N, C-alpha and C. Protein backbone atom coordinates (compact mmCIF):
# COMPACT_ATOMS: atom_id res chain seq x y z
N MET A 1 33.30 101.13 -46.21
CA MET A 1 33.62 99.90 -46.90
C MET A 1 32.88 98.75 -46.22
N GLY A 2 32.31 97.84 -46.98
CA GLY A 2 31.51 96.75 -46.45
C GLY A 2 32.32 95.51 -46.10
N LEU A 3 33.55 95.66 -45.71
CA LEU A 3 34.41 94.53 -45.37
C LEU A 3 33.97 93.92 -44.05
N ARG A 4 33.82 92.59 -44.04
CA ARG A 4 33.36 91.89 -42.84
C ARG A 4 34.27 90.71 -42.56
N CYS A 5 34.30 90.33 -41.30
CA CYS A 5 35.05 89.13 -40.91
C CYS A 5 34.17 88.32 -39.96
N ASP A 6 34.68 87.18 -39.54
CA ASP A 6 33.89 86.33 -38.65
C ASP A 6 33.75 86.94 -37.26
N TYR A 7 34.78 87.64 -36.80
CA TYR A 7 34.72 88.32 -35.50
C TYR A 7 35.75 89.43 -35.49
N GLU A 8 35.37 90.55 -34.87
CA GLU A 8 36.29 91.68 -34.75
C GLU A 8 36.05 92.39 -33.44
N LYS A 9 37.13 92.69 -32.75
CA LYS A 9 37.04 93.48 -31.53
C LYS A 9 38.39 94.15 -31.31
N ASN A 10 38.35 95.42 -30.98
CA ASN A 10 39.56 96.20 -30.69
C ASN A 10 40.59 96.10 -31.81
N LYS A 11 40.11 96.11 -33.04
CA LYS A 11 40.95 96.08 -34.24
C LYS A 11 41.70 94.76 -34.43
N VAL A 12 41.21 93.70 -33.77
CA VAL A 12 41.70 92.34 -34.00
C VAL A 12 40.67 91.65 -34.89
N TRP A 13 41.10 91.19 -36.04
CA TRP A 13 40.22 90.53 -37.01
C TRP A 13 40.42 89.03 -36.95
N VAL A 14 39.33 88.28 -36.79
CA VAL A 14 39.38 86.82 -36.68
C VAL A 14 38.60 86.21 -37.84
N GLU A 15 39.25 85.27 -38.50
CA GLU A 15 38.59 84.48 -39.55
C GLU A 15 38.69 83.02 -39.16
N VAL A 16 37.57 82.31 -39.22
CA VAL A 16 37.52 80.88 -38.95
C VAL A 16 37.31 80.20 -40.29
N GLU A 17 38.27 79.37 -40.70
CA GLU A 17 38.22 78.77 -42.04
C GLU A 17 38.13 77.26 -41.97
N PHE A 18 36.92 76.76 -42.20
CA PHE A 18 36.70 75.33 -42.26
C PHE A 18 36.28 74.96 -43.68
N GLY A 19 36.76 75.71 -44.64
CA GLY A 19 36.44 75.46 -46.04
C GLY A 19 37.65 74.92 -46.77
N ASN A 20 37.61 75.04 -48.08
CA ASN A 20 38.73 74.52 -48.86
C ASN A 20 39.91 75.49 -48.80
N ALA A 21 41.05 75.02 -49.24
CA ALA A 21 42.29 75.80 -49.15
C ALA A 21 42.17 77.13 -49.91
N ARG A 22 41.46 77.14 -51.00
CA ARG A 22 41.32 78.37 -51.78
C ARG A 22 40.65 79.47 -50.96
N SER A 23 39.69 79.10 -50.13
CA SER A 23 38.97 80.09 -49.32
C SER A 23 39.88 80.81 -48.34
N TYR A 24 40.88 80.11 -47.85
CA TYR A 24 41.70 80.75 -46.83
C TYR A 24 42.57 81.86 -47.39
N TYR A 25 42.91 81.81 -48.65
CA TYR A 25 43.65 82.92 -49.26
C TYR A 25 42.79 84.19 -49.26
N GLN A 26 41.49 84.03 -49.40
CA GLN A 26 40.59 85.18 -49.32
C GLN A 26 40.64 85.81 -47.94
N ASP A 27 40.83 84.99 -46.91
CA ASP A 27 40.95 85.52 -45.55
C ASP A 27 42.19 86.41 -45.43
N TYR A 28 43.28 86.00 -46.05
CA TYR A 28 44.49 86.82 -46.02
C TYR A 28 44.27 88.16 -46.72
N VAL A 29 43.53 88.14 -47.82
CA VAL A 29 43.21 89.40 -48.52
C VAL A 29 42.37 90.29 -47.61
N LYS A 30 41.42 89.70 -46.89
CA LYS A 30 40.62 90.48 -45.94
C LYS A 30 41.51 91.14 -44.89
N PHE A 31 42.50 90.40 -44.38
CA PHE A 31 43.40 90.98 -43.39
C PHE A 31 44.15 92.18 -43.96
N MET A 32 44.61 92.06 -45.19
CA MET A 32 45.33 93.18 -45.82
C MET A 32 44.41 94.39 -45.99
N LEU A 33 43.20 94.16 -46.45
CA LEU A 33 42.26 95.26 -46.63
C LEU A 33 41.85 95.87 -45.29
N ALA A 34 41.69 95.02 -44.28
CA ALA A 34 41.33 95.52 -42.95
C ALA A 34 42.43 96.41 -42.39
N LYS A 35 43.67 96.05 -42.63
CA LYS A 35 44.79 96.87 -42.17
C LYS A 35 44.77 98.22 -42.88
N LYS A 36 44.59 98.19 -44.18
CA LYS A 36 44.66 99.43 -44.98
C LYS A 36 43.46 100.35 -44.74
N TYR A 37 42.25 99.79 -44.70
CA TYR A 37 41.06 100.63 -44.67
C TYR A 37 40.35 100.71 -43.32
N GLN A 38 40.67 99.80 -42.41
CA GLN A 38 39.98 99.82 -41.13
C GLN A 38 40.94 99.75 -39.94
N SER A 39 42.21 100.03 -40.21
CA SER A 39 43.24 100.12 -39.17
C SER A 39 43.32 98.88 -38.28
N ALA A 40 43.11 97.71 -38.85
CA ALA A 40 43.27 96.48 -38.08
C ALA A 40 44.70 96.39 -37.57
N ARG A 41 44.87 95.81 -36.38
CA ARG A 41 46.20 95.68 -35.79
C ARG A 41 46.70 94.25 -35.75
N LEU A 42 45.78 93.28 -35.86
CA LEU A 42 46.16 91.87 -35.75
C LEU A 42 45.15 91.03 -36.51
N GLY A 43 45.64 90.03 -37.22
CA GLY A 43 44.78 89.06 -37.88
C GLY A 43 44.94 87.70 -37.24
N VAL A 44 43.84 87.01 -37.01
CA VAL A 44 43.86 85.66 -36.43
C VAL A 44 43.10 84.73 -37.37
N LEU A 45 43.78 83.69 -37.81
CA LEU A 45 43.17 82.70 -38.68
C LEU A 45 43.06 81.38 -37.91
N ILE A 46 41.83 80.87 -37.79
CA ILE A 46 41.59 79.62 -37.07
C ILE A 46 41.20 78.55 -38.08
N CYS A 47 41.92 77.43 -38.06
CA CYS A 47 41.70 76.33 -39.01
C CYS A 47 41.67 75.00 -38.28
N PRO A 48 41.07 73.98 -38.89
CA PRO A 48 41.12 72.65 -38.29
C PRO A 48 42.50 72.03 -38.49
N THR A 49 42.90 71.18 -37.56
CA THR A 49 44.13 70.41 -37.75
C THR A 49 43.90 69.40 -38.87
N ASN A 50 44.99 68.79 -39.36
CA ASN A 50 44.85 67.78 -40.42
C ASN A 50 43.88 66.68 -40.02
N SER A 51 44.01 66.18 -38.80
CA SER A 51 43.14 65.07 -38.39
C SER A 51 41.67 65.50 -38.31
N PHE A 52 41.41 66.70 -37.83
CA PHE A 52 40.04 67.19 -37.75
C PHE A 52 39.49 67.46 -39.15
N ALA A 53 40.32 68.03 -40.03
CA ALA A 53 39.89 68.28 -41.42
C ALA A 53 39.55 66.96 -42.11
N SER A 54 40.34 65.92 -41.88
CA SER A 54 40.05 64.60 -42.47
C SER A 54 38.71 64.06 -41.98
N LEU A 55 38.47 64.21 -40.68
CA LEU A 55 37.19 63.76 -40.11
C LEU A 55 36.03 64.53 -40.73
N LEU A 56 36.16 65.85 -40.86
CA LEU A 56 35.09 66.65 -41.45
C LEU A 56 34.84 66.26 -42.90
N CYS A 57 35.90 65.98 -43.65
CA CYS A 57 35.73 65.55 -45.04
C CYS A 57 35.01 64.21 -45.11
N GLU A 58 35.38 63.28 -44.22
CA GLU A 58 34.72 61.98 -44.21
C GLU A 58 33.23 62.12 -43.85
N LEU A 59 32.92 62.96 -42.88
CA LEU A 59 31.52 63.20 -42.54
C LEU A 59 30.77 63.81 -43.72
N GLY A 60 31.43 64.72 -44.43
CA GLY A 60 30.81 65.31 -45.62
C GLY A 60 30.56 64.28 -46.71
N ARG A 61 31.51 63.37 -46.91
CA ARG A 61 31.33 62.29 -47.90
C ARG A 61 30.14 61.40 -47.52
N GLN A 62 30.06 61.04 -46.25
CA GLN A 62 28.95 60.19 -45.79
C GLN A 62 27.61 60.88 -46.00
N ARG A 63 27.55 62.14 -45.62
CA ARG A 63 26.30 62.89 -45.78
C ARG A 63 25.93 63.01 -47.25
N ALA A 64 26.93 63.22 -48.11
CA ALA A 64 26.66 63.35 -49.54
C ALA A 64 26.12 62.04 -50.11
N ARG A 65 26.70 60.91 -49.65
CA ARG A 65 26.21 59.60 -50.14
C ARG A 65 24.76 59.37 -49.72
N GLU A 66 24.41 59.84 -48.53
CA GLU A 66 23.05 59.66 -48.04
C GLU A 66 22.05 60.53 -48.81
N ASN A 67 22.51 61.66 -49.30
CA ASN A 67 21.61 62.62 -49.95
C ASN A 67 21.91 62.79 -51.43
N VAL A 68 22.53 61.80 -52.05
CA VAL A 68 22.91 61.91 -53.45
C VAL A 68 21.68 62.04 -54.34
N VAL A 69 21.78 62.95 -55.28
CA VAL A 69 20.74 63.13 -56.29
C VAL A 69 21.41 62.84 -57.63
N GLY A 70 20.89 61.88 -58.33
CA GLY A 70 21.54 61.47 -59.58
C GLY A 70 22.63 60.45 -59.27
N GLU A 71 23.63 60.40 -60.14
CA GLU A 71 24.67 59.39 -60.01
C GLU A 71 25.97 59.91 -59.42
N ARG A 72 26.18 61.21 -59.41
CA ARG A 72 27.46 61.76 -58.97
C ARG A 72 27.43 62.15 -57.50
N VAL A 73 28.41 61.66 -56.78
CA VAL A 73 28.58 62.02 -55.37
C VAL A 73 29.63 63.12 -55.31
N PRO A 74 29.36 64.22 -54.59
CA PRO A 74 30.35 65.29 -54.49
C PRO A 74 31.67 64.79 -53.92
N VAL A 75 32.76 65.40 -54.35
CA VAL A 75 34.09 65.06 -53.86
C VAL A 75 34.51 66.10 -52.83
N TYR A 76 35.03 65.65 -51.71
CA TYR A 76 35.51 66.54 -50.67
C TYR A 76 37.02 66.40 -50.60
N SER A 77 37.72 67.48 -50.89
CA SER A 77 39.17 67.44 -50.80
C SER A 77 39.70 68.85 -50.67
N GLY A 78 40.93 68.96 -50.30
CA GLY A 78 41.58 70.26 -50.25
C GLY A 78 41.13 71.14 -49.11
N MET A 79 40.59 70.56 -48.02
CA MET A 79 40.17 71.39 -46.90
C MET A 79 41.39 72.04 -46.27
N MET A 80 41.21 73.27 -45.88
CA MET A 80 42.27 74.01 -45.23
C MET A 80 42.65 73.32 -43.93
N SER A 81 43.92 73.39 -43.56
CA SER A 81 44.35 72.84 -42.28
C SER A 81 45.34 73.79 -41.61
N TYR A 82 45.40 73.66 -40.32
CA TYR A 82 46.35 74.44 -39.52
C TYR A 82 47.78 74.19 -40.00
N GLU A 83 48.11 72.93 -40.23
CA GLU A 83 49.47 72.59 -40.65
C GLU A 83 49.83 73.25 -41.98
N LYS A 84 48.90 73.29 -42.91
CA LYS A 84 49.15 73.94 -44.20
C LYS A 84 49.34 75.44 -44.02
N ALA A 85 48.51 76.04 -43.20
CA ALA A 85 48.61 77.49 -42.97
C ALA A 85 49.95 77.85 -42.32
N VAL A 86 50.36 77.07 -41.33
CA VAL A 86 51.63 77.34 -40.65
C VAL A 86 52.80 77.15 -41.62
N ARG A 87 52.71 76.15 -42.46
CA ARG A 87 53.77 75.89 -43.44
C ARG A 87 53.88 77.02 -44.47
N GLU A 88 52.75 77.59 -44.88
CA GLU A 88 52.76 78.61 -45.94
C GLU A 88 52.96 80.03 -45.43
N LEU A 89 52.59 80.30 -44.19
CA LEU A 89 52.63 81.68 -43.70
C LEU A 89 53.99 82.35 -43.87
N PRO A 90 55.11 81.69 -43.61
CA PRO A 90 56.40 82.38 -43.80
C PRO A 90 56.62 82.87 -45.23
N PHE A 91 56.06 82.17 -46.21
CA PHE A 91 56.21 82.58 -47.60
C PHE A 91 55.28 83.73 -47.98
N LEU A 92 54.22 83.92 -47.21
CA LEU A 92 53.24 84.97 -47.48
C LEU A 92 53.46 86.22 -46.64
N GLY A 93 54.30 86.10 -45.63
CA GLY A 93 54.49 87.19 -44.66
C GLY A 93 54.87 88.52 -45.25
N PHE A 94 55.55 88.53 -46.39
CA PHE A 94 55.97 89.79 -47.00
C PHE A 94 54.79 90.67 -47.37
N MET A 95 53.60 90.10 -47.50
CA MET A 95 52.42 90.86 -47.91
C MET A 95 51.76 91.61 -46.76
N PHE A 96 52.04 91.22 -45.54
CA PHE A 96 51.30 91.75 -44.41
C PHE A 96 52.04 92.87 -43.70
N GLU A 97 51.29 93.89 -43.33
CA GLU A 97 51.84 95.01 -42.57
C GLU A 97 51.39 94.93 -41.12
N MET A 98 50.87 93.77 -40.73
CA MET A 98 50.46 93.54 -39.34
C MET A 98 50.71 92.07 -39.02
N PRO A 99 50.80 91.74 -37.75
CA PRO A 99 51.01 90.34 -37.39
C PRO A 99 49.78 89.48 -37.71
N ILE A 100 50.04 88.23 -38.10
CA ILE A 100 49.00 87.25 -38.35
C ILE A 100 49.29 86.05 -37.45
N ILE A 101 48.29 85.61 -36.72
CA ILE A 101 48.41 84.43 -35.87
C ILE A 101 47.56 83.32 -36.49
N VAL A 102 48.11 82.13 -36.58
CA VAL A 102 47.37 80.98 -37.07
C VAL A 102 47.15 80.05 -35.89
N ALA A 103 45.90 79.65 -35.67
CA ALA A 103 45.56 78.75 -34.56
C ALA A 103 44.84 77.54 -35.12
N GLY A 104 45.09 76.39 -34.51
CA GLY A 104 44.47 75.15 -34.96
C GLY A 104 43.43 74.65 -33.98
N VAL A 105 42.38 74.04 -34.53
CA VAL A 105 41.33 73.42 -33.72
C VAL A 105 41.36 71.94 -34.06
N GLY A 106 41.51 71.11 -33.04
CA GLY A 106 41.59 69.68 -33.26
C GLY A 106 40.46 68.92 -32.61
N ILE A 107 40.60 67.62 -32.62
CA ILE A 107 39.62 66.75 -31.99
C ILE A 107 40.26 66.12 -30.76
N CYS A 108 39.47 65.89 -29.77
CA CYS A 108 39.96 65.29 -28.53
C CYS A 108 39.60 63.82 -28.49
N GLY A 109 40.48 63.08 -27.87
CA GLY A 109 40.18 61.67 -27.62
C GLY A 109 40.38 60.85 -28.78
């Protein structure tokens, strides 16, 4: 099976999600498939904190304004966050046959 993740070692699957919220649900599906077909023992999802996600969205907006082609500037919204993942995980836990850890990456200073 051609299933891949961002990092894997000793049957621990790690996904780093700095995309939109929809993308992170795909990471959960990968964890389920990894458990079933590749004997994964643990899933780790790493996401930006709300404040870091807001900063990344603002940087994306600025970059888009600088490189706009035509009249429409892309909209950046719905980025995945650690807080959202932690809030939703208890409702999704029934789907998993292995532990899932959610970790947040923030900004310092």
